[in-house]
Protein backbone atom coordinates (compact mmCIF):
# COMPACT_ATOMS: atom_id res chain seq x y z
CA MET A 1 33.85 -29.57 -25.88
CA ASN A 2 30.24 -29.39 -27.03
CA TYR A 3 29.16 -30.79 -23.67
CA ILE A 4 30.85 -27.88 -21.88
CA LYS A 5 29.23 -25.29 -24.18
CA ILE A 6 25.82 -26.87 -23.68
CA SER A 7 26.33 -26.95 -19.89
CA TYR A 8 27.18 -23.24 -19.87
CA MET A 9 24.23 -22.45 -22.10
CA LEU A 10 21.92 -24.21 -19.64
CA LEU A 11 23.60 -22.84 -16.54
CA LEU A 12 23.59 -19.17 -17.57
CA PRO A 13 19.78 -18.75 -17.68
CA ALA A 14 19.49 -20.53 -14.32
CA LEU A 15 22.05 -18.17 -12.76
CA LEU A 16 20.29 -15.15 -14.24
CA LEU A 17 16.97 -16.37 -12.87
CA LEU A 18 18.46 -16.82 -9.39
CA SER A 19 20.02 -13.37 -9.62
CA CYS A 20 16.66 -11.87 -10.56
CA GLN A 21 14.95 -13.64 -7.65
CA GLU A 22 17.53 -12.23 -5.23
CA ASP A 23 17.01 -8.77 -6.70
CA ASP A 24 13.24 -9.18 -6.29
CA GLU A 25 13.65 -10.27 -2.67
CA GLU A 26 15.81 -7.23 -1.92
CA GLN A 27 13.35 -4.97 -3.68
CA ILE A 28 10.46 -6.52 -1.73
CA GLU A 29 12.28 -5.86 1.55
CA VAL A 30 12.92 -2.23 0.60
CA ILE A 31 9.30 -1.71 -0.43
CA GLU A 32 7.91 -3.37 2.71
CA ARG A 33 10.19 -1.30 4.92
CA ARG A 34 9.10 1.95 3.22
CA MET A 35 5.43 0.95 3.41
CA ALA A 36 5.81 0.37 7.17
CA GLU A 37 7.40 3.82 7.57
CA ILE A 38 4.61 5.48 5.61
CA SER A 39 1.96 3.57 7.55
CA ALA A 40 3.40 4.77 10.87
CA ASN A 41 3.58 8.36 9.56
CA VAL A 42 0.00 8.28 8.31
CA GLU A 43 -1.25 6.75 11.55
CA ALA A 44 0.37 9.59 13.51
CA LEU A 45 -0.87 12.18 11.02
CA VAL A 46 -4.55 11.15 11.30
CA ALA A 47 -4.51 10.34 15.04
CA ASN A 48 -6.55 13.43 15.99
CA LYS A 49 -10.00 12.56 14.68
CA SER A 50 -11.85 15.22 16.72
CA CYS A 51 -14.85 16.80 14.99
CA ASN A 52 -18.02 18.82 15.56
CA GLY A 53 -20.12 17.29 12.79
CA ALA A 54 -20.03 14.70 9.99
CA GLY A 55 -18.96 17.44 7.57
CA ASP A 56 -15.71 17.68 9.51
CA CYS A 57 -14.74 14.11 8.49
CA ALA A 58 -13.21 12.61 5.36
CA SER A 59 -11.75 9.33 4.15
CA ILE A 60 -8.98 8.36 1.79
CA ALA A 61 -8.41 5.11 -0.11
CA TRP A 62 -5.61 3.05 1.45
CA GLY A 63 -3.63 0.33 -0.29
CA ALA A 64 -4.03 -1.26 -3.70
CA LYS A 65 -5.63 -4.63 -4.34
CA PRO A 66 -4.11 -6.65 -7.18
CA CYS A 67 -7.51 -6.61 -8.92
CA GLY A 68 -7.82 -2.85 -8.45
CA GLY A 69 -9.31 -0.62 -5.80
CA PRO A 70 -8.21 0.00 -2.21
CA TRP A 71 -7.93 -2.49 0.63
CA GLU A 72 -9.69 -0.05 2.96
CA TYR A 73 -10.34 3.61 3.72
CA ILE A 74 -8.67 5.71 6.38
CA VAL A 75 -10.95 8.12 8.24
CA TYR A 76 -9.55 11.48 9.28
CA ALA A 77 -10.50 15.02 10.28
CA PRO A 78 -9.15 17.36 7.57
CA SER A 79 -9.05 20.33 9.95
CA ASN A 80 -6.52 18.41 12.08
CA VAL A 81 -4.36 17.09 9.23
CA ASP A 82 -1.90 18.47 6.72
CA VAL A 83 -4.05 17.14 3.84
CA PRO A 84 -1.46 17.62 1.03
CA GLN A 85 1.10 15.70 3.12
CA LEU A 86 -1.43 12.94 3.83
CA GLU A 87 -2.36 12.68 0.15
CA ALA A 88 1.30 12.49 -0.89
CA LEU A 89 2.05 9.74 1.64
CA VAL A 90 -1.05 7.75 0.68
CA THR A 91 -0.27 8.08 -3.03
CA GLU A 92 3.26 6.78 -2.43
CA TYR A 93 1.98 3.94 -0.24
CA ASN A 94 -0.63 2.89 -2.78
CA GLN A 95 1.94 2.85 -5.59
CA LEU A 96 4.35 0.81 -3.49
CA ASN A 97 1.52 -1.61 -2.69
CA GLN A 98 0.85 -2.03 -6.43
CA ASP A 99 4.55 -2.66 -7.06
CA LEU A 100 4.68 -5.17 -4.21
CA ASN A 101 1.62 -7.01 -5.55
CA GLN A 102 3.35 -7.43 -8.91
CA LEU A 103 6.65 -8.57 -7.44
CA LYS A 104 5.05 -11.09 -5.11
CA GLY A 105 2.23 -12.18 -7.42
CA GLU A 106 -0.23 -11.51 -4.61
CA PRO A 107 -3.75 -12.87 -4.92
CA SER A 108 -6.81 -10.76 -4.16
CA ASP A 109 -10.44 -11.34 -3.30
CA CYS A 110 -11.33 -8.69 -5.94
CA GLU A 111 -14.10 -7.41 -3.66
CA LEU A 112 -14.78 -3.75 -4.35
CA ILE A 113 -14.58 -1.64 -1.21
CA GLY A 114 -16.82 1.41 -1.45
CA GLU A 115 -16.10 4.71 0.19
CA PRO A 116 -17.62 4.60 3.68
CA ASP A 117 -20.36 6.78 5.10
CA LEU A 118 -18.88 8.89 7.87
CA GLU A 119 -20.19 10.36 11.08
CA CYS A 120 -18.97 12.44 13.96
CA ALA A 121 -19.76 10.22 16.94
CA ASP A 122 -18.78 11.42 20.40
CA ASN A 123 -16.83 14.22 18.71
CA LEU A 124 -14.66 11.75 16.76
CA CYS A 125 -14.74 10.98 13.04
CA ALA A 126 -15.82 7.39 12.41
CA ILE A 127 -17.39 5.09 9.85
CA LYS A 128 -21.16 4.81 10.26
CA ASN A 129 -22.28 1.38 11.38
């Protein structure tokens, strides 16, 4: 009888752990799917990068490194973008990226990515080389 109780006591935590891992995998899939949707929406939103001068260009931090800071910056022309919509999508994406990092235990290079210098080259917003 004691053997059976001990077996159940050892089995229960293992089952709970497996259940949690399955929940994490489902959550990861949901997050990755939503991040892909947001990425496509943002890409379409910032597609028109036309400008007349460097002052017509802006950038926004994209993604969240596990160590902190963005993975990169997206360049866009604010006059051609619904900026509040862009900011809302990017904020959601960055939060989802943080959540995903925690769930997956993602490593990071911890390199700080500074905000880029921008230019209007050939009437298109771009990062200065």
